[in-house]
Amino acid sequence: MKANKFMLVALFAGALAMVSCDEKPVNPPIIDDGGDDTEVVLEEAPALEAPGAGKVTIAVRAPKGTCNGLVAVGAATNEDGTDDWNPGAKSKPFAKVEGTETWHQITLPANPGMAVKVIAINEQGNADWGTQWGMNVEGEDPNVIIIEGDGALDNSENNGEVKLKELSENTVVYVDVVAWKSEPCVPKNEAGKATFVVTVPAETPATAMVSVTGSFTDNAWTPGAYTLTRQENGTYTGEFEVPAAFEYKYIIGAEGTDWSWDYEEVVSGNRQMVLDLKANDTVEAWKAIPGVTE
């Protein structure tokens, strides 16, 4: 299978060599060797018309996990040459390129000194710096790549955050975003029977009640309603019907006691059920253990 992959890439390379200079090159496939021999072919860049004098069009190929569109921010991006560094305003939205699944475009004034960042709108409809396009860190594969067109990428600030600069008027620049700084939209599970396997901290008493609390249809977020069974290896397991887009925490202690949850989730929010409904988790530390820690 490996040999076939290398042959496929070689054939694409040969095909590219025969493309005339007047034709837009086909983007070569990216081979995802994640163990299942999956081949992923990125969508080819669309042919967009130049925007005319004083304008520049930026076309962005967005990665999987982009659900609510993109916005642009940056220096000298307003018509009067002033800056717009407020992603929350969403004042410069991209438009989906007609006939494509992953390409988005925006036309901006080609002002001197302009610099652009692209931010994905998250599933709550908000845009902030946490979902800007990914970092370009020296020595690592870049997350933002210019495929075609005039422009340069500057990643000299904030540990690799990327700005698109040196843009020319009456041109189109095509940019591939491999990943966002953080996922703007997380795929949600379908409803069904879910299994839970959780490894708990060593100091958890063998007699402790450990349960799952979450967005169940019945007894939602009720401690002790969905108890897990302790196994000989110290893990706790259970199987329950869960709704779509299920979120949950692990609980130690029954309702009416000083119950607590896994401390990591106190900081970062609820856990999201995995798509295959087979949760295999680790609780690094409880917020407290009833009768042991407070």
Protein backbone atom coordinates (compact mmCIF):
# COMPACT_ATOMS: atom_id res chain seq x y z
CA MET A 1 0.00 0.00 0.00
CA LYS A 2 2.88 2.36 0.80
CA ALA A 3 4.33 1.83 -2.68
CA ASN A 4 0.97 2.65 -4.24
CA LYS A 5 0.86 5.91 -2.26
CA PHE A 6 4.30 6.96 -3.49
CA MET A 7 3.31 6.06 -7.06
CA LEU A 8 0.15 8.18 -6.72
CA VAL A 9 2.16 11.20 -5.61
CA ALA A 10 4.65 10.65 -8.41
CA LEU A 11 1.86 10.54 -11.00
CA PHE A 12 0.47 13.82 -9.70
CA ALA A 13 3.92 15.38 -9.84
CA GLY A 14 4.26 14.28 -13.45
CA ALA A 15 0.86 15.69 -14.28
CA LEU A 16 1.75 19.02 -12.75
CA ALA A 17 4.88 19.22 -14.87
CA MET A 18 2.70 19.04 -18.01
CA VAL A 19 0.30 21.85 -16.95
CA SER A 20 0.84 24.97 -19.05
CA CYS A 21 1.84 28.19 -17.34
CA ASP A 22 -1.57 29.69 -18.22
CA GLU A 23 -3.53 27.05 -16.27
CA LYS A 24 -4.15 27.00 -12.54
CA PRO A 25 -2.24 24.04 -11.08
CA VAL A 26 -4.14 21.22 -9.40
CA ASN A 27 -3.25 20.95 -5.73
CA PRO A 28 -1.56 17.59 -5.10
CA PRO A 29 -3.26 15.18 -2.69
CA ILE A 30 -2.28 14.97 0.95
CA ILE A 31 -1.87 11.40 2.11
CA ASP A 32 -3.09 10.90 5.67
CA ASP A 33 -1.16 7.87 6.88
CA GLY A 34 -3.03 7.51 10.16
CA GLY A 35 -2.91 3.74 10.07
CA ASP A 36 -6.00 3.18 7.94
CA ASP A 37 -4.47 4.14 4.56
CA THR A 38 -6.90 7.04 4.18
CA GLU A 39 -6.33 9.27 1.16
CA VAL A 40 -7.46 12.88 1.49
CA VAL A 41 -7.59 15.05 -1.62
CA LEU A 42 -7.88 18.76 -0.92
CA GLU A 43 -10.36 20.76 -2.98
CA GLU A 44 -8.74 22.52 -5.92
CA ALA A 45 -8.40 26.30 -5.84
CA PRO A 46 -11.27 27.98 -7.75
CA ALA A 47 -10.58 30.38 -10.61
CA LEU A 48 -11.55 33.82 -9.28
CA GLU A 49 -11.51 37.05 -11.24
CA ALA A 50 -9.13 39.81 -10.20
CA PRO A 51 -11.05 42.46 -8.21
CA GLY A 52 -9.84 45.55 -10.06
CA ALA A 53 -7.69 48.54 -9.20
CA GLY A 54 -7.26 49.33 -5.52
CA LYS A 55 -8.66 45.96 -4.38
CA VAL A 56 -7.27 42.57 -3.39
CA THR A 57 -9.17 39.30 -3.06
CA ILE A 58 -8.14 36.75 -0.45
CA ALA A 59 -9.37 33.19 -0.99
CA VAL A 60 -9.04 30.79 1.92
CA ARG A 61 -9.43 27.01 1.91
CA ALA A 62 -10.84 26.22 5.36
CA PRO A 63 -10.17 22.94 7.18
CA LYS A 64 -12.63 20.42 8.55
CA GLY A 65 -14.37 21.75 11.65
CA THR A 66 -15.27 25.12 10.11
CA CYS A 67 -19.02 25.51 10.61
CA ASN A 68 -20.00 29.18 10.76
CA GLY A 69 -17.77 30.95 8.28
CA LEU A 70 -14.77 33.25 8.56
CA VAL A 71 -13.99 36.88 9.21
CA ALA A 72 -10.95 39.02 8.43
CA VAL A 73 -9.24 41.53 10.72
CA GLY A 74 -6.05 43.47 10.36
CA ALA A 75 -4.03 46.59 9.82
CA ALA A 76 -5.15 49.10 7.16
CA THR A 77 -8.10 46.93 6.19
CA ASN A 78 -10.78 49.64 6.31
CA GLU A 79 -11.64 51.69 3.23
CA ASP A 80 -10.04 54.78 4.78
CA GLY A 81 -6.82 52.89 5.55
CA THR A 82 -7.45 52.52 9.28
CA ASP A 83 -7.09 49.30 11.26
CA ASP A 84 -9.74 46.77 12.27
CA TRP A 85 -8.44 44.45 14.98
CA ASN A 86 -11.81 43.60 16.55
CA PRO A 87 -12.78 40.02 15.62
CA GLY A 88 -15.92 40.13 17.76
CA ALA A 89 -17.45 42.80 15.50
CA LYS A 90 -17.34 40.38 12.54
CA SER A 91 -17.35 43.43 10.27
CA LYS A 92 -15.44 41.74 7.43
CA PRO A 93 -17.08 38.37 6.74
CA PHE A 94 -15.90 36.03 4.01
CA ALA A 95 -18.36 34.70 1.44
CA LYS A 96 -18.47 31.04 0.46
CA VAL A 97 -17.08 30.55 -3.04
CA GLU A 98 -19.99 29.32 -5.16
CA GLY A 99 -19.66 25.71 -6.25
CA THR A 100 -17.09 24.80 -3.58
CA GLU A 101 -17.24 23.12 -0.19
CA THR A 102 -14.17 24.55 1.53
CA TRP A 103 -13.25 27.83 -0.17
CA HIS A 104 -14.17 31.30 1.15
CA GLN A 105 -13.33 34.71 -0.31
CA ILE A 106 -13.24 38.36 0.68
CA THR A 107 -12.27 41.49 -1.26
CA LEU A 108 -10.55 44.26 0.69
CA PRO A 109 -9.01 47.63 -0.17
CA ALA A 110 -5.37 47.12 -1.11
CA ASN A 111 -4.08 49.80 1.24
CA PRO A 112 -0.35 50.37 1.83
CA GLY A 113 0.88 48.49 4.90
CA MET A 114 -2.15 46.23 5.18
CA ALA A 115 -1.83 43.00 7.17
CA VAL A 116 -4.61 40.43 7.49
CA LYS A 117 -5.52 37.65 9.92
CA VAL A 118 -8.37 35.19 9.38
CA ILE A 119 -10.60 33.97 12.20
CA ALA A 120 -13.23 31.24 12.22
CA ILE A 121 -16.63 31.89 13.80
CA ASN A 122 -17.30 29.27 16.46
CA GLU A 123 -20.44 27.18 16.93
CA GLN A 124 -21.85 29.78 19.34
CA GLY A 125 -21.56 32.41 16.60
CA ASN A 126 -18.63 34.25 18.18
CA ALA A 127 -15.26 35.20 16.70
CA ASP A 128 -12.21 35.73 18.90
CA TRP A 129 -8.45 35.23 18.86
CA GLY A 130 -8.75 31.64 20.07
CA THR A 131 -10.01 30.49 16.67
CA GLN A 132 -7.67 32.45 14.43
CA TRP A 133 -5.77 30.50 11.80
CA GLY A 134 -3.08 28.26 13.26
CA MET A 135 0.46 29.15 14.23
CA ASN A 136 3.45 28.86 11.88
CA VAL A 137 6.19 27.70 14.24
CA GLU A 138 9.75 27.36 13.02
CA GLY A 139 10.75 23.72 12.60
CA GLU A 140 7.14 22.50 12.45
CA ASP A 141 4.75 22.00 9.53
CA PRO A 142 3.04 25.34 8.80
CA ASN A 143 -0.67 25.81 9.45
CA VAL A 144 -1.04 28.66 6.96
CA ILE A 145 0.32 28.33 3.41
CA ILE A 146 0.12 30.61 0.37
CA ILE A 147 -0.82 28.38 -2.56
CA GLU A 148 -0.78 31.02 -5.27
CA GLY A 149 -0.66 34.79 -5.69
CA ASP A 150 1.27 37.78 -4.42
CA GLY A 151 1.74 38.00 -0.67
CA ALA A 152 3.93 37.03 2.24
CA LEU A 153 3.32 35.41 5.63
CA ASP A 154 4.77 37.02 8.75
CA ASN A 155 4.91 34.79 11.84
CA SER A 156 7.38 36.86 13.84
CA GLU A 157 4.95 37.85 16.60
CA ASN A 158 3.24 36.03 19.49
CA ASN A 159 5.12 32.76 19.14
CA GLY A 160 4.11 32.14 15.53
CA GLU A 161 0.78 33.89 14.96
CA VAL A 162 0.41 34.58 11.24
CA LYS A 163 -0.25 37.79 9.32
CA LEU A 164 -0.77 37.94 5.55
CA LYS A 165 1.15 40.94 4.19
CA GLU A 166 2.68 42.48 1.04
CA LEU A 167 -0.57 42.17 -0.93
CA SER A 168 -0.89 43.68 -4.41
CA GLU A 169 -3.92 45.42 -5.90
CA ASN A 170 -6.02 43.77 -8.60
CA THR A 171 -4.80 40.30 -7.59
CA VAL A 172 -6.15 37.15 -5.94
CA VAL A 173 -4.09 35.35 -3.31
CA TYR A 174 -5.00 31.76 -2.42
CA VAL A 175 -4.28 30.58 1.12
CA ASP A 176 -4.61 27.11 2.61
CA VAL A 177 -5.47 26.90 6.32
CA VAL A 178 -4.40 23.47 7.56
CA ALA A 179 -5.77 24.02 11.09
CA TRP A 180 -7.24 26.68 13.35
CA LYS A 181 -5.51 27.68 16.58
CA SER A 182 -8.34 25.82 18.30
CA GLU A 183 -11.31 24.00 16.80
CA PRO A 184 -14.21 26.41 16.26
CA CYS A 185 -16.76 23.60 15.96
CA VAL A 186 -16.58 20.12 17.45
CA PRO A 187 -18.51 17.28 15.74
CA LYS A 188 -21.30 16.03 18.02
CA ASN A 189 -22.32 12.45 18.75
CA GLU A 190 -25.60 10.90 17.66
CA ALA A 191 -28.01 9.56 20.29
CA GLY A 192 -27.47 5.93 21.35
CA LYS A 193 -26.13 3.58 23.99
CA ALA A 194 -22.77 4.83 25.28
CA THR A 195 -20.15 2.92 27.23
CA PHE A 196 -17.95 4.60 29.83
CA VAL A 197 -14.57 3.45 31.10
CA VAL A 198 -12.85 5.85 33.48
CA THR A 199 -9.52 5.55 35.27
CA VAL A 200 -9.63 7.43 38.57
CA PRO A 201 -6.87 8.78 40.84
CA ALA A 202 -5.09 6.24 43.05
CA GLU A 203 -6.34 7.94 46.23
CA THR A 204 -9.98 7.24 45.30
CA PRO A 205 -11.40 4.94 48.04
CA ALA A 206 -12.48 1.51 46.79
CA THR A 207 -15.88 2.11 48.41
CA ALA A 208 -16.44 5.45 46.69
CA MET A 209 -19.53 6.01 44.57
CA VAL A 210 -18.44 7.20 41.11
CA SER A 211 -21.07 8.23 38.59
CA VAL A 212 -21.60 10.10 35.36
CA THR A 213 -23.62 13.29 35.40
CA GLY A 214 -24.52 15.05 32.20
CA SER A 215 -27.13 16.22 29.73
CA PHE A 216 -29.19 13.02 29.99
CA THR A 217 -32.81 13.15 28.86
CA ASP A 218 -33.87 12.03 32.36
CA ASN A 219 -32.18 13.10 35.60
CA ALA A 220 -29.94 15.56 33.75
CA TRP A 221 -26.91 16.66 35.80
CA THR A 222 -28.09 14.65 38.82
CA PRO A 223 -25.20 13.22 40.91
CA GLY A 224 -25.60 9.51 41.61
CA ALA A 225 -28.34 8.89 39.02
CA TYR A 226 -25.99 7.04 36.66
CA THR A 227 -23.56 5.11 38.81
CA LEU A 228 -20.55 3.24 37.51
CA THR A 229 -19.29 -0.17 38.59
CA ARG A 230 -15.80 -0.58 40.02
CA GLN A 231 -13.68 -3.21 38.27
CA GLU A 232 -10.84 -5.30 39.72
CA ASN A 233 -8.28 -3.13 37.94
CA GLY A 234 -9.65 -0.02 39.69
CA THR A 235 -11.45 1.45 36.69
CA TYR A 236 -15.17 2.25 36.73
CA THR A 237 -17.47 1.26 33.89
CA GLY A 238 -21.07 1.69 32.81
CA GLU A 239 -23.43 1.72 29.84
CA PHE A 240 -26.28 4.21 29.43
CA GLU A 241 -28.51 5.72 26.75
CA VAL A 242 -27.36 9.24 25.90
CA PRO A 243 -28.90 11.96 23.74
CA ALA A 244 -27.23 13.61 20.77
CA ALA A 245 -24.51 16.18 21.55
CA PHE A 246 -24.07 14.66 25.01
CA GLU A 247 -21.90 16.48 27.56
CA TYR A 248 -20.87 15.05 30.91
CA LYS A 249 -18.65 15.07 34.00
CA TYR A 250 -17.55 12.34 36.40
CA ILE A 251 -18.83 12.63 39.96
CA ILE A 252 -17.55 11.15 43.21
CA GLY A 253 -20.14 11.04 45.99
CA ALA A 254 -23.92 10.67 46.02
CA GLU A 255 -26.56 13.36 45.88
CA GLY A 256 -26.89 15.08 49.23
CA THR A 257 -23.23 14.54 50.14
CA ASP A 258 -20.17 16.67 49.48
CA TRP A 259 -19.94 15.25 45.97
CA SER A 260 -17.26 16.53 43.62
CA TRP A 261 -16.14 16.18 40.03
CA ASP A 262 -12.92 15.72 38.12
CA TYR A 263 -10.89 18.86 38.60
CA GLU A 264 -9.77 19.17 34.96
CA GLU A 265 -13.36 19.71 33.89
CA VAL A 266 -13.86 22.47 36.46
CA VAL A 267 -11.21 24.41 34.57
CA SER A 268 -11.94 23.53 30.95
CA GLY A 269 -15.66 22.76 30.87
CA ASN A 270 -17.70 19.62 30.27
CA ARG A 271 -16.49 16.59 28.40
CA GLN A 272 -18.02 15.97 24.97
CA MET A 273 -19.11 12.42 24.14
CA VAL A 274 -16.96 10.90 21.40
CA LEU A 275 -18.58 10.09 18.07
CA ASP A 276 -18.38 6.29 18.48
CA LEU A 277 -20.09 6.48 21.93
CA LYS A 278 -17.15 4.72 23.61
CA ALA A 279 -15.81 7.06 26.27
CA ASN A 280 -12.43 6.05 27.66
CA ASP A 281 -11.35 8.75 30.10
CA THR A 282 -8.94 9.50 32.90
CA VAL A 283 -9.66 11.64 35.95
CA GLU A 284 -6.32 13.14 36.90
CA ALA A 285 -7.61 14.64 40.15
CA TRP A 286 -10.93 15.13 41.94
CA LYS A 287 -11.85 18.60 43.08
CA ALA A 288 -12.31 16.94 46.48
CA ILE A 289 -12.96 13.44 47.85
CA PRO A 290 -15.87 13.34 50.32
CA GLY A 291 -14.62 12.29 53.73
CA VAL A 292 -10.98 12.40 52.60
CA THR A 293 -10.26 15.87 51.19
CA GLU A 294 -12.27 19.06 51.32
